[in-house]
Amino acid sequence: MIKCVIFDCDGTMFDTERLAKKAYEDYALNHGIHLNQEFWNGICGTGLEYATPTLKQYPIIFDNIETVLKLRLANITEGAQSQKDALVKKGLYELLDYCESHQILIAIASSSHLNYVMMLLDHMSRKIEFDTILCGDMITHKKPNPEIFTTVMDKLNVSPDETLVLEDSLMGLLAAKAANATAGFIEDCVTKNEKIEELLDVEFSDFTEVINYLK
């Protein structure tokens, strides 16, 4: 029985990865470079600690990563501020309401920094009380290391078999599996491949399907 749902933030709760991807792609194209899907799979859902090998395959990106990250943040901030709920994914509120009404704990586990996650939460039209929020600047190792998920489960006193992790990235699924939690995949900018197929325990097209899974 699932007693806790852990949400990834970017690309899972919020439609931010397409804006992040645009920042990388625009910068690359301005320098005559095309970024393939493997590049995105290698950097999505993690931090520089694990993304560096992929970034180094494109020196113009790696050498100017701070510039690219500023463009990424600008794109996402503009999208979030355009209107309330502009980036909220389909069915998120319904799933959160279901969890509340059925005493299922809810948590956020994001590789992004806390102030960034709070910015996204602040632009939701409803204030949601999560049982815990853990971010990349609050842990030692980011995804695909399982630390962020094991820490959340320990804090909420739930076991891996009582925990559903919702992720949109390869790195997130690797972390969820390493934590022995149920790995749920919702496809976004990272397209499902053979590796992701091997890792996921359950796949959803959007959050409304998660409700049916929990029933």
Protein backbone atom coordinates (compact mmCIF):
# COMPACT_ATOMS: atom_id res chain seq x y z
CA MET A 1 0.00 0.00 0.00
CA ILE A 2 1.37 3.39 -1.00
CA LYS A 3 1.61 5.75 1.98
CA CYS A 4 3.82 8.41 0.42
CA VAL A 5 4.16 10.02 -3.01
CA ILE A 6 7.43 11.81 -3.76
CA PHE A 7 7.29 14.33 -6.59
CA ASP A 8 10.15 15.46 -8.73
CA CYS A 9 9.76 19.15 -9.59
CA ASP A 10 11.08 20.11 -13.05
CA GLY A 11 9.27 18.35 -15.87
CA THR A 12 7.10 16.37 -13.44
CA MET A 13 5.11 18.87 -11.38
CA PHE A 14 5.89 21.79 -13.65
CA ASP A 15 6.27 22.19 -17.40
CA THR A 16 9.76 23.67 -17.08
CA GLU A 17 11.99 21.25 -18.96
CA ARG A 18 10.84 22.43 -22.38
CA LEU A 19 11.90 25.95 -21.38
CA ALA A 20 15.21 24.68 -20.04
CA LYS A 21 15.74 22.65 -23.19
CA LYS A 22 15.06 25.71 -25.33
CA ALA A 23 17.80 27.64 -23.50
CA TYR A 24 20.37 24.92 -24.21
CA GLU A 25 19.23 24.40 -27.80
CA ASP A 26 19.13 28.11 -28.64
CA TYR A 27 22.65 28.64 -27.26
CA ALA A 28 23.95 25.60 -29.13
CA LEU A 29 22.30 26.57 -32.42
CA ASN A 30 23.77 30.06 -32.15
CA HIS A 31 27.14 28.32 -32.23
CA GLY A 32 26.24 25.93 -35.06
CA ILE A 33 25.73 22.90 -32.83
CA HIS A 34 22.82 20.45 -32.63
CA LEU A 35 22.10 18.76 -29.30
CA ASN A 36 20.74 15.22 -29.53
CA GLN A 37 18.35 13.37 -27.23
CA GLU A 38 21.19 11.59 -25.45
CA PHE A 39 22.51 14.97 -24.33
CA TRP A 40 19.21 15.78 -22.68
CA ASN A 41 18.94 12.34 -21.09
CA GLY A 42 22.39 12.86 -19.59
CA ILE A 43 21.76 16.24 -17.96
CA CYS A 44 18.06 16.21 -17.09
CA GLY A 45 17.14 15.66 -13.45
CA THR A 46 20.63 15.92 -11.97
CA GLY A 47 23.32 18.45 -11.07
CA LEU A 48 26.72 19.29 -12.50
CA GLU A 49 28.30 16.51 -10.41
CA TYR A 50 26.76 13.92 -12.72
CA ALA A 51 25.97 16.00 -15.82
CA THR A 52 29.59 17.05 -16.42
CA PRO A 53 30.60 14.02 -18.57
CA THR A 54 27.71 14.74 -20.93
CA LEU A 55 28.35 18.50 -20.94
CA LYS A 56 32.01 17.96 -21.79
CA GLN A 57 30.97 16.33 -25.05
CA TYR A 58 29.92 19.83 -26.12
CA PRO A 59 32.76 22.17 -25.07
CA ILE A 60 30.91 25.32 -26.11
CA ILE A 61 28.16 24.40 -23.62
CA PHE A 62 30.48 23.20 -20.87
CA ASP A 63 32.79 26.22 -21.08
CA ASN A 64 29.84 28.61 -20.93
CA ILE A 65 27.56 26.69 -18.61
CA GLU A 66 26.94 29.65 -16.27
CA THR A 67 25.64 31.69 -19.21
CA VAL A 68 23.40 28.84 -20.35
CA LEU A 69 22.05 28.33 -16.83
CA LYS A 70 21.16 32.02 -16.61
CA LEU A 71 19.25 31.72 -19.89
CA ARG A 72 17.52 28.62 -18.52
CA LEU A 73 16.45 30.41 -15.35
CA ALA A 74 15.26 33.44 -17.30
CA ASN A 75 13.09 31.27 -19.56
CA ILE A 76 11.52 29.42 -16.63
CA THR A 77 11.01 32.53 -14.49
CA GLU A 78 9.28 34.28 -17.38
CA GLY A 79 7.05 31.24 -17.92
CA ALA A 80 6.16 30.99 -14.24
CA GLN A 81 5.37 34.68 -13.93
CA SER A 82 3.22 34.86 -17.06
CA GLN A 83 0.17 33.78 -15.03
CA LYS A 84 -0.72 31.61 -12.07
CA ASP A 85 -0.54 27.89 -12.84
CA ALA A 86 1.00 28.54 -16.25
CA LEU A 87 3.49 25.71 -15.72
CA VAL A 88 1.41 23.37 -13.54
CA LYS A 89 1.11 19.93 -15.11
CA LYS A 90 -2.25 18.36 -15.91
CA GLY A 91 -3.92 16.65 -12.97
CA LEU A 92 -1.46 17.85 -10.32
CA TYR A 93 -4.07 19.53 -8.11
CA GLU A 94 -6.41 16.56 -8.42
CA LEU A 95 -3.66 14.16 -7.34
CA LEU A 96 -2.63 16.36 -4.43
CA ASP A 97 -6.26 16.58 -3.30
CA TYR A 98 -6.62 12.80 -3.54
CA CYS A 99 -3.51 12.27 -1.43
CA GLU A 100 -4.77 14.69 1.22
CA SER A 101 -8.19 13.10 1.42
CA HIS A 102 -6.67 9.61 1.73
CA GLN A 103 -3.93 10.49 4.23
CA ILE A 104 -1.13 9.83 1.74
CA LEU A 105 2.01 11.81 2.53
CA ILE A 106 3.33 14.13 -0.18
CA ALA A 107 6.90 15.31 -0.64
CA ILE A 108 9.07 17.09 -3.18
CA ALA A 109 12.56 15.77 -3.97
CA SER A 110 14.28 18.00 -6.51
CA SER A 111 17.88 18.33 -7.68
CA SER A 112 17.25 22.07 -8.04
CA HIS A 113 17.92 24.57 -5.26
CA LEU A 114 15.27 25.31 -2.66
CA ASN A 115 14.78 28.98 -3.60
CA TYR A 116 14.10 27.95 -7.20
CA VAL A 117 11.55 25.32 -6.16
CA MET A 118 9.85 27.80 -3.85
CA MET A 119 9.61 30.28 -6.75
CA LEU A 120 7.68 27.70 -8.76
CA LEU A 121 5.45 26.85 -5.80
CA ASP A 122 4.75 30.54 -5.20
CA HIS A 123 3.26 30.81 -8.69
CA MET A 124 0.69 28.11 -8.05
CA SER A 125 -2.82 29.45 -7.51
CA ARG A 126 -3.19 27.30 -4.40
CA LYS A 127 -0.86 26.96 -1.45
CA ILE A 128 -0.03 23.29 -0.93
CA GLU A 129 1.32 22.01 2.38
CA PHE A 130 3.86 19.34 1.54
CA ASP A 131 4.97 17.02 4.33
CA THR A 132 8.57 17.72 3.39
CA ILE A 133 10.57 19.40 0.64
CA LEU A 134 14.15 18.34 -0.03
CA CYS A 135 16.31 20.00 -2.67
CA GLY A 136 19.72 19.65 -4.25
CA ASP A 137 21.36 22.28 -2.05
CA MET A 138 20.20 20.42 1.07
CA ILE A 139 21.93 17.10 0.35
CA THR A 140 25.43 15.87 -0.46
CA HIS A 141 24.78 13.91 -3.66
CA LYS A 142 22.12 14.61 -6.27
CA LYS A 143 20.25 12.11 -8.42
CA PRO A 144 21.07 9.45 -9.66
CA ASN A 145 22.39 8.94 -6.13
CA PRO A 146 19.44 7.75 -4.00
CA GLU A 147 20.30 10.04 -1.05
CA ILE A 148 17.47 12.49 -1.68
CA PHE A 149 14.82 9.75 -1.71
CA THR A 150 16.19 7.74 1.22
CA THR A 151 16.40 10.95 3.25
CA VAL A 152 12.76 11.83 2.51
CA MET A 153 11.59 8.32 3.39
CA ASP A 154 13.55 8.34 6.64
CA LYS A 155 12.16 11.75 7.56
CA LEU A 156 8.58 10.67 6.89
CA ASN A 157 9.07 7.23 8.44
CA VAL A 158 7.90 5.28 5.40
CA SER A 159 9.49 2.24 3.82
CA PRO A 160 10.50 1.97 0.14
CA ASP A 161 7.64 -0.42 -0.63
CA GLU A 162 5.23 2.20 0.75
CA THR A 163 6.65 4.94 -1.47
CA LEU A 164 5.82 5.95 -5.04
CA VAL A 165 8.34 8.25 -6.74
CA LEU A 166 7.12 10.27 -9.74
CA GLU A 167 9.89 11.18 -12.16
CA ASP A 168 10.39 12.33 -15.74
CA SER A 169 14.13 11.69 -16.10
CA LEU A 170 16.58 8.83 -16.41
CA MET A 171 18.60 10.19 -13.48
CA GLY A 172 15.51 10.34 -11.29
CA LEU A 173 14.48 6.78 -12.13
CA LEU A 174 17.99 5.53 -11.37
CA ALA A 175 17.81 7.22 -7.96
CA ALA A 176 14.33 5.85 -7.24
CA LYS A 177 15.35 2.31 -8.09
CA ALA A 178 18.53 2.61 -6.01
CA ALA A 179 16.33 3.69 -3.10
CA ASN A 180 14.13 0.60 -3.69
CA ALA A 181 11.02 2.75 -4.06
CA THR A 182 8.36 2.24 -6.73
CA ALA A 183 9.62 4.15 -9.76
CA GLY A 184 6.85 5.94 -11.63
CA PHE A 185 7.64 7.55 -14.98
CA ILE A 186 5.73 10.41 -16.61
CA GLU A 187 7.28 11.19 -19.98
CA ASP A 188 8.23 14.79 -20.68
CA CYS A 189 11.31 16.02 -22.58
CA VAL A 190 13.22 12.84 -21.84
CA THR A 191 11.77 10.27 -24.21
CA LYS A 192 11.38 6.69 -23.09
CA ASN A 193 14.16 4.42 -24.26
CA GLU A 194 15.27 0.87 -23.48
CA LYS A 195 17.10 1.90 -20.30
CA ILE A 196 14.12 3.83 -18.96
CA GLU A 197 11.84 0.92 -19.86
CA GLU A 198 14.02 -1.36 -17.74
CA LEU A 199 13.97 1.00 -14.76
CA LEU A 200 10.35 2.08 -14.49
CA ASP A 201 7.90 0.09 -12.40
CA VAL A 202 4.83 1.93 -13.63
CA GLU A 203 4.20 4.51 -16.34
CA PHE A 204 1.63 7.31 -16.38
CA SER A 205 0.60 9.68 -19.15
CA ASP A 206 -0.32 12.34 -16.56
CA PHE A 207 -1.23 12.73 -12.88
CA THR A 208 -4.85 11.69 -13.35
CA GLU A 209 -3.65 8.14 -14.04
CA VAL A 210 -1.71 8.16 -10.77
CA ILE A 211 -4.98 8.55 -8.88
CA ASN A 212 -6.32 5.36 -10.47
CA TYR A 213 -3.10 3.57 -9.54
CA LEU A 214 -3.42 4.61 -5.91
CA LYS A 215 -7.03 3.53 -5.57
